[in-house]
């Protein structure tokens, strides 16, 4: 019984290279995303140079607007300074 193996796999060879490229592309992209995350990339909804207000600043604003009373302000301020 004779089987014709001539040309077996021809035409599909490029799929092997393409598969290998995708195989390595995914880990490389994951590493790049991890590096960007660890390096503290920009927050998407904050303009350049704008800093997020600290907890103490928010507390002071709430007290200034009258949302909390003096006793609550002092208690939370002390908690923040201890923490």
PDB file of N, CA and C in Angstrom:
ATOM      1  N   UNK A   1       0.844  -1.165   0.000  1.00  0.00           N
ATOM      2  CA  UNK A   1       0.000   0.000   0.000  1.00  0.00           C
ATOM      3  C   UNK A   1       0.893   1.233   0.000  1.00  0.00           C
ATOM      4  N   UNK A   2       0.749   2.016  -0.993  1.00  0.00           N
ATOM      5  CA  UNK A   2       1.605   3.183  -1.160  1.00  0.00           C
ATOM      6  C   UNK A   2       0.795   4.440  -0.894  1.00  0.00           C
ATOM      7  N   UNK A   3       1.308   5.306  -0.006  1.00  0.00           N
ATOM      8  CA  UNK A   3       0.620   6.568   0.290  1.00  0.00           C
ATOM      9  C   UNK A   3       1.471   7.699  -0.251  1.00  0.00           C
ATOM     10  N   UNK A   4       0.811   8.655  -0.807  1.00  0.00           N
ATOM     11  CA  UNK A   4       1.509   9.785  -1.401  1.00  0.00           C
ATOM     12  C   UNK A   4       1.706  10.876  -0.349  1.00  0.00           C
ATOM     13  N   UNK A   5       2.926  11.023   0.145  1.00  0.00           N
ATOM     14  CA  UNK A   5       3.242  12.042   1.138  1.00  0.00           C
ATOM     15  C   UNK A   5       3.815  13.294   0.500  1.00  0.00           C
ATOM     16  N   UNK A   6       3.898  13.305  -0.781  1.00  0.00           N
ATOM     17  CA  UNK A   6       4.474  14.446  -1.458  1.00  0.00           C
ATOM     18  C   UNK A   6       3.610  15.685  -1.211  1.00  0.00           C
ATOM     19  N   UNK A   7       4.228  16.699  -0.681  1.00  0.00           N
ATOM     20  CA  UNK A   7       3.513  17.950  -0.436  1.00  0.00           C
ATOM     21  C   UNK A   7       2.731  17.960   0.867  1.00  0.00           C
ATOM     22  N   UNK A   8       2.917  16.960   1.696  1.00  0.00           N
ATOM     23  CA  UNK A   8       2.185  16.922   2.958  1.00  0.00           C
ATOM     24  C   UNK A   8       2.584  18.115   3.815  1.00  0.00           C
ATOM     25  N   UNK A   9       1.651  18.874   4.245  1.00  0.00           N
ATOM     26  CA  UNK A   9       1.906  20.012   5.100  1.00  0.00           C
ATOM     27  C   UNK A   9       2.261  21.282   4.369  1.00  0.00           C
ATOM     28  N   UNK A  10       2.465  21.193   3.091  1.00  0.00           N
ATOM     29  CA  UNK A  10       2.797  22.397   2.339  1.00  0.00           C
ATOM     30  C   UNK A  10       1.587  23.318   2.319  1.00  0.00           C
ATOM     31  N   UNK A  11       1.835  24.575   2.457  1.00  0.00           N
ATOM     32  CA  UNK A  11       0.749  25.537   2.471  1.00  0.00           C
ATOM     33  C   UNK A  11       0.258  25.827   3.878  1.00  0.00           C
ATOM     34  N   UNK A  12       0.553  24.966   4.814  1.00  0.00           N
ATOM     35  CA  UNK A  12       0.141  25.174   6.208  1.00  0.00           C
ATOM     36  C   UNK A  12       1.319  25.582   7.076  1.00  0.00           C
ATOM     37  N   UNK A  13       2.489  25.600   6.504  1.00  0.00           N
ATOM     38  CA  UNK A  13       3.689  25.925   7.264  1.00  0.00           C
ATOM     39  C   UNK A  13       3.612  27.323   7.876  1.00  0.00           C
ATOM     40  N   UNK A  14       3.053  28.278   7.174  1.00  0.00           N
ATOM     41  CA  UNK A  14       2.954  29.648   7.685  1.00  0.00           C
ATOM     42  C   UNK A  14       2.036  29.735   8.899  1.00  0.00           C
ATOM     43  N   UNK A  15       1.107  28.813   9.041  1.00  0.00           N
ATOM     44  CA  UNK A  15       0.234  28.819  10.216  1.00  0.00           C
ATOM     45  C   UNK A  15       1.015  28.485  11.481  1.00  0.00           C
ATOM     46  N   UNK A  16       2.016  27.659  11.349  1.00  0.00           N
ATOM     47  CA  UNK A  16       2.862  27.346  12.499  1.00  0.00           C
ATOM     48  C   UNK A  16       3.602  28.574  12.997  1.00  0.00           C
ATOM     49  N   UNK A  17       4.158  29.346  12.076  1.00  0.00           N
ATOM     50  CA  UNK A  17       4.852  30.579  12.449  1.00  0.00           C
ATOM     51  C   UNK A  17       3.887  31.612  13.018  1.00  0.00           C
ATOM     52  N   UNK A  18       2.716  31.701  12.431  1.00  0.00           N
ATOM     53  CA  UNK A  18       1.711  32.645  12.909  1.00  0.00           C
ATOM     54  C   UNK A  18       1.256  32.264  14.314  1.00  0.00           C
ATOM     55  N   UNK A  19       1.038  30.980  14.539  1.00  0.00           N
ATOM     56  CA  UNK A  19       0.649  30.513  15.865  1.00  0.00           C
ATOM     57  C   UNK A  19       1.728  30.795  16.900  1.00  0.00           C
ATOM     58  N   UNK A  20       2.980  30.582  16.524  1.00  0.00           N
ATOM     59  CA  UNK A  20       4.074  30.837  17.449  1.00  0.00           C
ATOM     60  C   UNK A  20       4.182  32.336  17.746  1.00  0.00           C
ATOM     61  N   UNK A  21       3.944  33.178  16.753  1.00  0.00           N
ATOM     62  CA  UNK A  21       3.987  34.626  16.969  1.00  0.00           C
ATOM     63  C   UNK A  21       2.902  35.044  17.959  1.00  0.00           C
ATOM     64  N   UNK A  22       1.695  34.523  17.792  1.00  0.00           N
ATOM     65  CA  UNK A  22       0.628  34.848  18.726  1.00  0.00           C
ATOM     66  C   UNK A  22       0.917  34.285  20.121  1.00  0.00           C
ATOM     67  N   UNK A  23       1.523  33.109  20.161  1.00  0.00           N
ATOM     68  CA  UNK A  23       1.875  32.506  21.445  1.00  0.00           C
ATOM     69  C   UNK A  23       2.812  33.416  22.238  1.00  0.00           C
ATOM     70  N   UNK A  24       3.788  34.027  21.575  1.00  0.00           N
ATOM     71  CA  UNK A  24       4.731  34.905  22.259  1.00  0.00           C
ATOM     72  C   UNK A  24       4.196  36.322  22.417  1.00  0.00           C
ATOM     73  N   UNK A  25       3.289  36.727  21.572  1.00  0.00           N
ATOM     74  CA  UNK A  25       2.731  38.076  21.653  1.00  0.00           C
ATOM     75  C   UNK A  25       1.923  38.269  22.942  1.00  0.00           C
ATOM     76  N   UNK A  26       1.166  37.274  23.328  1.00  0.00           N
ATOM     77  CA  UNK A  26       0.323  37.387  24.528  1.00  0.00           C
ATOM     78  C   UNK A  26       1.175  37.572  25.794  1.00  0.00           C
ATOM     79  N   UNK A  27       2.188  36.747  26.075  1.00  0.00           N
ATOM     80  CA  UNK A  27       2.997  36.988  27.280  1.00  0.00           C
ATOM     81  C   UNK A  27       3.737  38.329  27.251  1.00  0.00           C
ATOM     82  N   UNK A  28       4.202  38.734  26.073  1.00  0.00           N
ATOM     83  CA  UNK A  28       4.901  40.018  25.975  1.00  0.00           C
ATOM     84  C   UNK A  28       3.955  41.160  26.314  1.00  0.00           C
ATOM     85  N   UNK A  29       2.734  41.116  25.792  1.00  0.00           N
ATOM     86  CA  UNK A  29       1.752  42.160  26.108  1.00  0.00           C
ATOM     87  C   UNK A  29       1.392  42.152  27.590  1.00  0.00           C
ATOM     88  N   UNK A  30       1.272  40.973  28.178  1.00  0.00           N
ATOM     89  CA  UNK A  30       0.978  40.897  29.612  1.00  0.00           C
ATOM     90  C   UNK A  30       2.105  41.510  30.440  1.00  0.00           C
ATOM     91  N   UNK A  31       3.345  41.283  30.048  1.00  0.00           N
ATOM     92  CA  UNK A  31       4.475  41.869  30.765  1.00  0.00           C
ATOM     93  C   UNK A  31       4.448  43.387  30.629  1.00  0.00           C
ATOM     94  N   UNK A  32       4.166  43.894  29.440  1.00  0.00           N
ATOM     95  CA  UNK A  32       4.106  45.341  29.242  1.00  0.00           C
ATOM     96  C   UNK A  32       3.001  45.982  30.073  1.00  0.00           C
ATOM     97  N   UNK A  33       1.850  45.339  30.134  1.00  0.00           N
ATOM     98  CA  UNK A  33       0.750  45.855  30.947  1.00  0.00           C
ATOM     99  C   UNK A  33       1.126  45.845  32.421  1.00  0.00           C
ATOM    100  N   UNK A  34       1.775  44.790  32.877  1.00  0.00           N
ATOM    101  CA  UNK A  34       2.196  44.705  34.277  1.00  0.00           C
ATOM    102  C   UNK A  34       3.211  45.792  34.609  1.00  0.00           C
ATOM    103  N   UNK A  35       4.155  46.042  33.711  1.00  0.00           N
ATOM    104  CA  UNK A  35       5.156  47.085  33.945  1.00  0.00           C
ATOM    105  C   UNK A  35       4.482  48.454  34.025  1.00  0.00           C
ATOM    106  N   UNK A  36       3.550  48.725  33.122  1.00  0.00           N
ATOM    107  CA  UNK A  36       2.835  50.000  33.139  1.00  0.00           C
ATOM    108  C   UNK A  36       2.057  50.151  34.440  1.00  0.00           C
ATOM    109  N   UNK A  37       1.428  49.090  34.893  1.00  0.00           N
ATOM    110  CA  UNK A  37       0.663  49.130  36.142  1.00  0.00           C
ATOM    111  C   UNK A  37       1.581  49.379  37.332  1.00  0.00           C
ATOM    112  N   UNK A  38       2.710  48.680  37.375  1.00  0.00           N
ATOM    113  CA  UNK A  38       3.624  48.814  38.495  1.00  0.00           C
ATOM    114  C   UNK A  38       4.357  50.143  38.502  1.00  0.00           C
ATOM    115  N   UNK A  39       4.549  50.740  37.346  1.00  0.00           N
ATOM    116  CA  UNK A  39       5.223  52.031  37.259  1.00  0.00           C
ATOM    117  C   UNK A  39       4.270  53.183  37.562  1.00  0.00           C
ATOM    118  N   UNK A  40       3.009  52.872  37.833  1.00  0.00           N
ATOM    119  CA  UNK A  40       2.054  53.919  38.191  1.00  0.00           C
ATOM    120  C   UNK A  40       1.640  54.747  36.998  1.00  0.00           C
ATOM    121  N   UNK A  41       1.085  54.106  36.020  1.00  0.00           N
ATOM    122  CA  UNK A  41       0.630  54.809  34.831  1.00  0.00           C
ATOM    123  C   UNK A  41      -0.422  55.863  35.164  1.00  0.00           C
ATOM    124  N   UNK A  42      -0.631  56.776  34.237  1.00  0.00           N
ATOM    125  CA  UNK A  42      -1.597  57.858  34.447  1.00  0.00           C
ATOM    126  C   UNK A  42      -2.979  57.304  34.676  1.00  0.00           C
ATOM    127  N   UNK A  43      -3.731  57.981  35.540  1.00  0.00           N
ATOM    128  CA  UNK A  43      -5.132  57.636  35.711  1.00  0.00           C
ATOM    129  C   UNK A  43      -5.878  58.185  34.504  1.00  0.00           C
ATOM    130  N   UNK A  44      -6.769  57.393  33.895  1.00  0.00           N
ATOM    131  CA  UNK A  44      -7.402  57.824  32.651  1.00  0.00           C
ATOM    132  C   UNK A  44      -8.325  59.032  32.793  1.00  0.00           C
ATOM    133  N   UNK A  45      -8.921  59.264  33.960  1.00  0.00           N
ATOM    134  CA  UNK A  45      -9.874  60.357  34.081  1.00  0.00           C
ATOM    135  C   UNK A  45      -9.319  61.551  34.851  1.00  0.00           C
ATOM    136  N   UNK A  46      -8.011  61.646  35.014  1.00  0.00           N
ATOM    137  CA  UNK A  46      -7.419  62.798  35.675  1.00  0.00           C
ATOM    138  C   UNK A  46      -6.531  63.542  34.682  1.00  0.00           C
ATOM    139  N   UNK A  47      -6.730  64.832  34.508  1.00  0.00           N
ATOM    140  CA  UNK A  47      -5.861  65.589  33.602  1.00  0.00           C
ATOM    141  C   UNK A  47      -4.425  65.612  34.112  1.00  0.00           C
ATOM    142  N   UNK A  48      -3.506  65.889  33.220  1.00  0.00           N
ATOM    143  CA  UNK A  48      -2.091  65.945  33.597  1.00  0.00           C
ATOM    144  C   UNK A  48      -1.874  66.958  34.705  1.00  0.00           C
ATOM    145  N   UNK A  49      -1.096  66.572  35.693  1.00  0.00           N
ATOM    146  CA  UNK A  49      -0.742  67.481  36.766  1.00  0.00           C
ATOM    147  C   UNK A  49      -1.776  67.572  37.879  1.00  0.00           C
ATOM    148  N   UNK A  50      -2.961  67.052  37.670  1.00  0.00           N
ATOM    149  CA  UNK A  50      -3.988  67.126  38.709  1.00  0.00           C
ATOM    150  C   UNK A  50      -3.811  65.953  39.657  1.00  0.00           C
ATOM    151  N   UNK A  51      -3.761  66.254  40.955  1.00  0.00           N
ATOM    152  CA  UNK A  51      -3.590  65.204  41.946  1.00  0.00           C
ATOM    153  C   UNK A  51      -4.928  64.902  42.600  1.00  0.00           C
ATOM    154  N   UNK A  52      -5.086  63.666  43.000  1.00  0.00           N
ATOM    155  CA  UNK A  52      -6.280  63.262  43.728  1.00  0.00           C
ATOM    156  C   UNK A  52      -6.190  63.831  45.136  1.00  0.00           C
ATOM    157  N   UNK A  53      -7.268  64.468  45.618  1.00  0.00           N
ATOM    158  CA  UNK A  53      -7.189  65.054  46.956  1.00  0.00           C
ATOM    159  C   UNK A  53      -7.015  63.972  48.019  1.00  0.00           C
ATOM    160  N   UNK A  54      -6.242  64.301  49.058  1.00  0.00           N
ATOM    161  CA  UNK A  54      -6.007  63.371  50.139  1.00  0.00           C
ATOM    162  C   UNK A  54      -7.229  63.269  51.033  1.00  0.00           C
ATOM    163  N   UNK A  55      -7.233  62.256  51.870  1.00  0.00           N
ATOM    164  CA  UNK A  55      -8.373  62.011  52.752  1.00  0.00           C
ATOM    165  C   UNK A  55      -8.579  63.175  53.716  1.00  0.00           C
ATOM    166  N   UNK A  56      -7.487  63.758  54.209  1.00  0.00           N
ATOM    167  CA  UNK A  56      -7.605  64.876  55.142  1.00  0.00           C
ATOM    168  C   UNK A  56      -8.204  66.102  54.456  1.00  0.00           C
ATOM    169  N   UNK A  57      -7.815  66.339  53.204  1.00  0.00           N
ATOM    170  CA  UNK A  57      -8.367  67.473  52.457  1.00  0.00           C
ATOM    171  C   UNK A  57      -9.862  67.280  52.222  1.00  0.00           C
ATOM    172  N   UNK A  58     -10.274  66.071  51.910  1.00  0.00           N
ATOM    173  CA  UNK A  58     -11.698  65.794  51.712  1.00  0.00           C
ATOM    174  C   UNK A  58     -12.452  66.001  53.016  1.00  0.00           C
ATOM    175  N   UNK A  59     -11.871  65.543  54.106  1.00  0.00           N
ATOM    176  CA  UNK A  59     -12.504  65.712  55.417  1.00  0.00           C
ATOM    177  C   UNK A  59     -12.659  67.197  55.752  1.00  0.00           C
ATOM    178  N   UNK A  60     -11.628  67.983  55.497  1.00  0.00           N
ATOM    179  CA  UNK A  60     -11.700  69.413  55.756  1.00  0.00           C
ATOM    180  C   UNK A  60     -12.769  70.094  54.902  1.00  0.00           C
ATOM    181  N   UNK A  61     -12.896  69.656  53.649  1.00  0.00           N
ATOM    182  CA  UNK A  61     -13.938  70.214  52.774  1.00  0.00           C
ATOM    183  C   UNK A  61     -15.331  69.876  53.301  1.00  0.00           C
ATOM    184  N   UNK A  62     -15.514  68.649  53.746  1.00  0.00           N
ATOM    185  CA  UNK A  62     -16.822  68.252  54.275  1.00  0.00           C
ATOM    186  C   UNK A  62     -17.172  69.058  55.522  1.00  0.00           C
ATOM    187  N   UNK A  63     -16.170  69.305  56.359  1.00  0.00           N
ATOM    188  CA  UNK A  63     -16.401  70.094  57.571  1.00  0.00           C
ATOM    189  C   UNK A  63     -16.722  71.547  57.201  1.00  0.00           C
ATOM    190  N   UNK A  64     -16.003  72.082  56.224  1.00  0.00           N
ATOM    191  CA  UNK A  64     -16.232  73.461  55.789  1.00  0.00           C
ATOM    192  C   UNK A  64     -17.624  73.628  55.173  1.00  0.00           C
ATOM    193  N   UNK A  65     -18.116  72.622  54.501  1.00  0.00           N
ATOM    194  CA  UNK A  65     -19.460  72.700  53.900  1.00  0.00           C
ATOM    195  C   UNK A  65     -20.563  72.432  54.910  1.00  0.00           C
ATOM    196  N   UNK A  66     -20.183  72.006  56.108  1.00  0.00           N
ATOM    197  CA  UNK A  66     -21.174  71.744  57.143  1.00  0.00           C
ATOM    198  C   UNK A  66     -21.797  70.362  57.069  1.00  0.00           C
ATOM    199  N   UNK A  67     -21.189  69.459  56.318  1.00  0.00           N
ATOM    200  CA  UNK A  67     -21.716  68.098  56.187  1.00  0.00           C
ATOM    201  C   UNK A  67     -21.493  67.290  57.462  1.00  0.00           C
ATOM    202  N   UNK A  68     -20.437  67.619  58.202  1.00  0.00           N
ATOM    203  CA  UNK A  68     -20.153  66.933  59.460  1.00  0.00           C
ATOM    204  C   UNK A  68     -19.925  67.988  60.541  1.00  0.00           C
ATOM    205  N   UNK A  69     -20.162  67.604  61.786  1.00  0.00           N
ATOM    206  CA  UNK A  69     -19.971  68.561  62.889  1.00  0.00           C
ATOM    207  C   UNK A  69     -18.529  68.496  63.398  1.00  0.00           C
ATOM    208  N   UNK A  70     -18.204  69.401  64.333  1.00  0.00           N
ATOM    209  CA  UNK A  70     -16.838  69.527  64.844  1.00  0.00           C
ATOM    210  C   UNK A  70     -16.352  68.240  65.503  1.00  0.00           C
ATOM    211  N   UNK A  71     -17.213  67.635  66.295  1.00  0.00           N
ATOM    212  CA  UNK A  71     -16.818  66.415  67.006  1.00  0.00           C
ATOM    213  C   UNK A  71     -16.444  65.300  66.025  1.00  0.00           C
ATOM    214  N   UNK A  72     -17.271  65.100  65.000  1.00  0.00           N
ATOM    215  CA  UNK A  72     -16.987  64.063  63.992  1.00  0.00           C
ATOM    216  C   UNK A  72     -15.713  64.406  63.222  1.00  0.00           C
ATOM    217  N   UNK A  73     -15.542  65.690  62.898  1.00  0.00           N
ATOM    218  CA  UNK A  73     -14.338  66.126  62.185  1.00  0.00           C
ATOM    219  C   UNK A  73     -13.087  65.813  62.998  1.00  0.00           C
ATOM    220  N   UNK A  74     -13.088  66.195  64.266  1.00  0.00           N
ATOM    221  CA  UNK A  74     -11.916  65.971  65.111  1.00  0.00           C
ATOM    222  C   UNK A  74     -11.615  64.485  65.280  1.00  0.00           C
ATOM    223  N   UNK A  75     -12.656  63.687  65.440  1.00  0.00           N
ATOM    224  CA  UNK A  75     -12.458  62.244  65.603  1.00  0.00           C
ATOM    225  C   UNK A  75     -11.849  61.637  64.335  1.00  0.00           C
ATOM    226  N   UNK A  76     -12.412  61.976  63.188  1.00  0.00           N
ATOM    227  CA  UNK A  76     -11.908  61.416  61.931  1.00  0.00           C
ATOM    228  C   UNK A  76     -10.507  61.934  61.612  1.00  0.00           C
ATOM    229  N   UNK A  77     -10.249  63.201  61.923  1.00  0.00           N
ATOM    230  CA  UNK A  77      -8.916  63.760  61.695  1.00  0.00           C
ATOM    231  C   UNK A  77      -7.872  63.013  62.520  1.00  0.00           C
ATOM    232  N   UNK A  78      -8.201  62.769  63.771  1.00  0.00           N
ATOM    233  CA  UNK A  78      -7.280  62.028  64.636  1.00  0.00           C
ATOM    234  C   UNK A  78      -7.075  60.601  64.118  1.00  0.00           C
ATOM    235  N   UNK A  79      -8.139  59.976  63.658  1.00  0.00           N
ATOM    236  CA  UNK A  79      -8.016  58.624  63.094  1.00  0.00           C
ATOM    237  C   UNK A  79      -7.095  58.619  61.877  1.00  0.00           C
ATOM    238  N   UNK A  80      -7.256  59.620  61.019  1.00  0.00           N
ATOM    239  CA  UNK A  80      -6.414  59.692  59.816  1.00  0.00           C
ATOM    240  C   UNK A  80      -4.950  59.933  60.167  1.00  0.00           C
ATOM    241  N   UNK A  81      -4.711  60.771  61.143  1.00  0.00           N
ATOM    242  CA  UNK A  81      -3.319  61.063  61.519  1.00  0.00           C
ATOM    243  C   UNK A  81      -2.651  59.869  62.195  1.00  0.00           C
ATOM    244  N   UNK A  82      -3.448  59.052  62.891  1.00  0.00           N
ATOM    245  CA  UNK A  82      -2.910  57.846  63.531  1.00  0.00           C
ATOM    246  C   UNK A  82      -2.626  56.752  62.513  1.00  0.00           C
ATOM    247  N   UNK A  83      -3.519  56.662  61.529  1.00  0.00           N
ATOM    248  CA  UNK A  83      -3.545  55.546  60.601  1.00  0.00           C
ATOM    249  C   UNK A  83      -2.406  55.415  59.688  1.00  0.00           C
TER     250      UNK A  83
END
